[in-house]
Amino acid sequence: MSTATLTTKGQITIPVDVRRALNVEAGDRVEFVQLEPGRFEVIATTRSVRELKGRFGKPTRTVTIAEMNAAIAAQGARAK
């Protein structure tokens, strides 16, 4: 298990083995997601959305902007 010490300014240095596992470098961003009170998950948020390309297979059909807007409007109406 890796540990870090909180400074008086509220900063920590992420241990090198954790940085390597998260594939983060200086200037990269991380997100803290609360799983339950007192328990958080650290997620690297540095990857581009372009890296998702090809992970979900080919779409079965092309969707138009008008169809997207209609779906968004319908979902918004249901949420009210």
N, C-alpha and C. Protein backbone atom coordinates (compact mmCIF):
# COMPACT_ATOMS: atom_id res chain seq x y z
N MET A 1 0.85 -1.17 0.00
CA MET A 1 0.00 0.00 0.00
C MET A 1 0.89 1.24 0.00
N SER A 2 0.52 2.23 -0.80
CA SER A 2 1.27 3.48 -0.86
C SER A 2 0.61 4.52 0.02
N THR A 3 1.42 5.35 0.64
CA THR A 3 0.89 6.41 1.49
C THR A 3 1.51 7.74 1.09
N ALA A 4 0.83 8.83 1.47
CA ALA A 4 1.32 10.18 1.22
C ALA A 4 0.96 11.03 2.43
N THR A 5 1.67 12.14 2.60
CA THR A 5 1.43 13.03 3.72
C THR A 5 0.83 14.34 3.21
N LEU A 6 -0.20 14.81 3.88
CA LEU A 6 -0.86 16.06 3.53
C LEU A 6 -0.06 17.23 4.10
N THR A 7 0.23 18.24 3.25
CA THR A 7 0.96 19.42 3.73
C THR A 7 0.00 20.41 4.37
N THR A 8 0.54 21.45 4.98
CA THR A 8 -0.30 22.48 5.59
C THR A 8 -1.12 23.23 4.54
N LYS A 9 -0.70 23.17 3.29
CA LYS A 9 -1.44 23.81 2.19
C LYS A 9 -2.50 22.88 1.59
N GLY A 10 -2.64 21.68 2.14
CA GLY A 10 -3.63 20.73 1.64
C GLY A 10 -3.16 19.97 0.41
N GLN A 11 -1.86 19.91 0.18
CA GLN A 11 -1.31 19.23 -0.99
C GLN A 11 -0.69 17.89 -0.59
N ILE A 12 -0.70 16.96 -1.56
CA ILE A 12 -0.01 15.69 -1.36
C ILE A 12 0.82 15.40 -2.60
N THR A 13 1.84 14.59 -2.43
CA THR A 13 2.60 14.08 -3.56
C THR A 13 2.15 12.65 -3.77
N ILE A 14 1.68 12.37 -4.98
CA ILE A 14 1.22 11.02 -5.28
C ILE A 14 2.45 10.13 -5.45
N PRO A 15 2.51 9.02 -4.72
CA PRO A 15 3.68 8.14 -4.81
C PRO A 15 3.93 7.68 -6.25
N VAL A 16 5.18 7.48 -6.60
CA VAL A 16 5.58 7.15 -7.96
C VAL A 16 4.89 5.90 -8.49
N ASP A 17 4.72 4.87 -7.66
CA ASP A 17 4.07 3.65 -8.14
C ASP A 17 2.60 3.89 -8.47
N VAL A 18 1.96 4.79 -7.75
CA VAL A 18 0.56 5.14 -8.03
C VAL A 18 0.49 5.96 -9.32
N ARG A 19 1.41 6.92 -9.48
CA ARG A 19 1.44 7.73 -10.71
C ARG A 19 1.63 6.85 -11.93
N ARG A 20 2.52 5.87 -11.80
CA ARG A 20 2.75 4.95 -12.93
C ARG A 20 1.49 4.13 -13.23
N ALA A 21 0.84 3.64 -12.20
CA ALA A 21 -0.37 2.83 -12.39
C ALA A 21 -1.50 3.65 -13.02
N LEU A 22 -1.59 4.93 -12.64
CA LEU A 22 -2.61 5.81 -13.21
C LEU A 22 -2.19 6.39 -14.56
N ASN A 23 -0.91 6.22 -14.90
CA ASN A 23 -0.35 6.77 -16.13
C ASN A 23 -0.52 8.29 -16.17
N VAL A 24 -0.14 8.97 -15.07
CA VAL A 24 -0.23 10.42 -14.99
C VAL A 24 1.16 11.02 -14.82
N GLU A 25 1.28 12.25 -15.31
CA GLU A 25 2.54 12.99 -15.22
C GLU A 25 2.23 14.38 -14.68
N ALA A 26 3.27 15.18 -14.47
CA ALA A 26 3.10 16.55 -14.01
C ALA A 26 2.18 17.30 -14.96
N GLY A 27 1.21 18.00 -14.40
CA GLY A 27 0.26 18.77 -15.21
C GLY A 27 -1.01 18.02 -15.55
N ASP A 28 -1.02 16.70 -15.39
CA ASP A 28 -2.23 15.91 -15.65
C ASP A 28 -3.24 16.14 -14.54
N ARG A 29 -4.48 15.85 -14.83
CA ARG A 29 -5.55 16.05 -13.86
C ARG A 29 -6.03 14.70 -13.33
N VAL A 30 -6.44 14.70 -12.07
CA VAL A 30 -7.07 13.52 -11.47
C VAL A 30 -8.38 13.97 -10.84
N GLU A 31 -9.30 13.05 -10.74
CA GLU A 31 -10.62 13.33 -10.16
C GLU A 31 -10.80 12.45 -8.93
N PHE A 32 -11.38 13.01 -7.89
CA PHE A 32 -11.68 12.27 -6.66
C PHE A 32 -13.18 12.01 -6.64
N VAL A 33 -13.57 10.74 -6.68
CA VAL A 33 -14.98 10.36 -6.70
C VAL A 33 -15.31 9.69 -5.38
N GLN A 34 -16.31 10.25 -4.68
CA GLN A 34 -16.69 9.68 -3.39
C GLN A 34 -17.54 8.44 -3.61
N LEU A 35 -17.07 7.31 -3.09
CA LEU A 35 -17.79 6.04 -3.20
C LEU A 35 -18.78 5.88 -2.05
N GLU A 36 -18.36 6.33 -0.89
CA GLU A 36 -19.19 6.33 0.31
C GLU A 36 -18.53 7.31 1.28
N PRO A 37 -19.19 7.71 2.34
CA PRO A 37 -18.55 8.67 3.26
C PRO A 37 -17.18 8.18 3.73
N GLY A 38 -16.17 9.03 3.52
CA GLY A 38 -14.82 8.70 3.95
C GLY A 38 -14.04 7.80 3.00
N ARG A 39 -14.62 7.46 1.85
CA ARG A 39 -13.95 6.56 0.89
C ARG A 39 -14.03 7.17 -0.51
N PHE A 40 -12.87 7.37 -1.12
CA PHE A 40 -12.80 7.99 -2.44
C PHE A 40 -12.03 7.12 -3.41
N GLU A 41 -12.28 7.32 -4.69
CA GLU A 41 -11.54 6.68 -5.75
C GLU A 41 -10.84 7.78 -6.53
N VAL A 42 -9.57 7.59 -6.88
CA VAL A 42 -8.82 8.55 -7.66
C VAL A 42 -8.80 8.07 -9.11
N ILE A 43 -9.25 8.94 -10.02
CA ILE A 43 -9.34 8.57 -11.44
C ILE A 43 -8.54 9.57 -12.26
N ALA A 44 -7.68 9.09 -13.13
CA ALA A 44 -6.95 9.97 -14.05
C ALA A 44 -7.94 10.48 -15.09
N THR A 45 -7.97 11.80 -15.28
CA THR A 45 -8.91 12.39 -16.25
C THR A 45 -8.15 13.06 -17.39
N THR A 46 -7.03 12.49 -17.75
CA THR A 46 -6.16 13.12 -18.74
C THR A 46 -6.35 12.57 -20.14
N ARG A 47 -7.04 11.48 -20.27
CA ARG A 47 -7.17 10.87 -21.59
C ARG A 47 -8.21 11.61 -22.43
N SER A 48 -7.96 11.62 -23.71
CA SER A 48 -8.86 12.26 -24.66
C SER A 48 -10.05 11.36 -24.94
N VAL A 49 -11.18 11.97 -25.20
CA VAL A 49 -12.37 11.20 -25.57
C VAL A 49 -12.13 10.43 -26.87
N ARG A 50 -11.19 10.90 -27.65
CA ARG A 50 -10.85 10.21 -28.91
C ARG A 50 -10.33 8.79 -28.67
N GLU A 51 -9.80 8.53 -27.48
CA GLU A 51 -9.30 7.20 -27.17
C GLU A 51 -10.43 6.16 -27.09
N LEU A 52 -11.67 6.63 -27.00
CA LEU A 52 -12.81 5.71 -26.95
C LEU A 52 -13.18 5.16 -28.33
N LYS A 53 -12.65 5.80 -29.37
CA LYS A 53 -12.99 5.40 -30.73
C LYS A 53 -12.71 3.91 -30.94
N GLY A 54 -13.71 3.21 -31.45
CA GLY A 54 -13.57 1.80 -31.76
C GLY A 54 -13.86 0.86 -30.62
N ARG A 55 -14.09 1.37 -29.42
CA ARG A 55 -14.32 0.49 -28.28
C ARG A 55 -15.75 -0.04 -28.19
N PHE A 56 -16.65 0.55 -28.94
CA PHE A 56 -18.06 0.17 -28.84
C PHE A 56 -18.59 -0.46 -30.12
N GLY A 57 -17.73 -0.77 -31.04
CA GLY A 57 -18.16 -1.39 -32.29
C GLY A 57 -18.74 -0.37 -33.25
N LYS A 58 -19.05 -0.83 -34.42
CA LYS A 58 -19.62 0.04 -35.46
C LYS A 58 -21.09 0.30 -35.15
N PRO A 59 -21.55 1.53 -35.36
CA PRO A 59 -22.98 1.80 -35.15
C PRO A 59 -23.80 1.06 -36.20
N THR A 60 -24.99 0.65 -35.81
CA THR A 60 -25.85 -0.08 -36.75
C THR A 60 -26.43 0.83 -37.81
N ARG A 61 -26.57 2.12 -37.47
CA ARG A 61 -27.04 3.08 -38.46
C ARG A 61 -26.55 4.48 -38.08
N THR A 62 -26.55 5.37 -39.04
CA THR A 62 -26.15 6.75 -38.80
C THR A 62 -27.34 7.51 -38.21
N VAL A 63 -27.06 8.35 -37.23
CA VAL A 63 -28.10 9.15 -36.59
C VAL A 63 -27.88 10.61 -36.99
N THR A 64 -28.96 11.28 -37.39
CA THR A 64 -28.85 12.68 -37.80
C THR A 64 -28.87 13.60 -36.58
N ILE A 65 -28.45 14.82 -36.76
CA ILE A 65 -28.49 15.82 -35.70
C ILE A 65 -29.93 16.04 -35.26
N ALA A 66 -30.85 16.07 -36.20
CA ALA A 66 -32.27 16.26 -35.87
C ALA A 66 -32.77 15.13 -34.97
N GLU A 67 -32.37 13.90 -35.27
CA GLU A 67 -32.77 12.76 -34.43
C GLU A 67 -32.16 12.86 -33.04
N MET A 68 -30.90 13.30 -32.96
CA MET A 68 -30.27 13.49 -31.66
C MET A 68 -31.00 14.55 -30.85
N ASN A 69 -31.31 15.67 -31.49
CA ASN A 69 -32.03 16.74 -30.79
C ASN A 69 -33.40 16.29 -30.31
N ALA A 70 -34.10 15.51 -31.13
CA ALA A 70 -35.42 15.00 -30.74
C ALA A 70 -35.30 14.05 -29.54
N ALA A 71 -34.28 13.20 -29.54
CA ALA A 71 -34.09 12.28 -28.42
C ALA A 71 -33.76 13.04 -27.14
N ILE A 72 -32.94 14.08 -27.25
CA ILE A 72 -32.59 14.89 -26.09
C ILE A 72 -33.83 15.60 -25.55
N ALA A 73 -34.64 16.17 -26.45
CA ALA A 73 -35.86 16.86 -26.04
C ALA A 73 -36.84 15.90 -25.39
N ALA A 74 -36.98 14.71 -25.93
CA ALA A 74 -37.90 13.72 -25.35
C ALA A 74 -37.45 13.30 -23.96
N GLN A 75 -36.15 13.07 -23.79
CA GLN A 75 -35.63 12.69 -22.48
C GLN A 75 -35.78 13.83 -21.49
N GLY A 76 -35.55 15.06 -21.94
CA GLY A 76 -35.72 16.23 -21.07
C GLY A 76 -37.16 16.39 -20.62
N ALA A 77 -38.11 16.11 -21.52
CA ALA A 77 -39.52 16.22 -21.16
C ALA A 77 -39.90 15.16 -20.14
N ARG A 78 -39.33 13.96 -20.24
CA ARG A 78 -39.62 12.89 -19.28
C ARG A 78 -39.04 13.18 -17.90
N ALA A 79 -37.96 13.94 -17.85
CA ALA A 79 -37.27 14.21 -16.59
C ALA A 79 -38.03 15.22 -15.71
N LYS A 80 -38.94 15.97 -16.31
CA LYS A 80 -39.66 17.00 -15.54
C LYS A 80 -40.72 16.46 -14.67
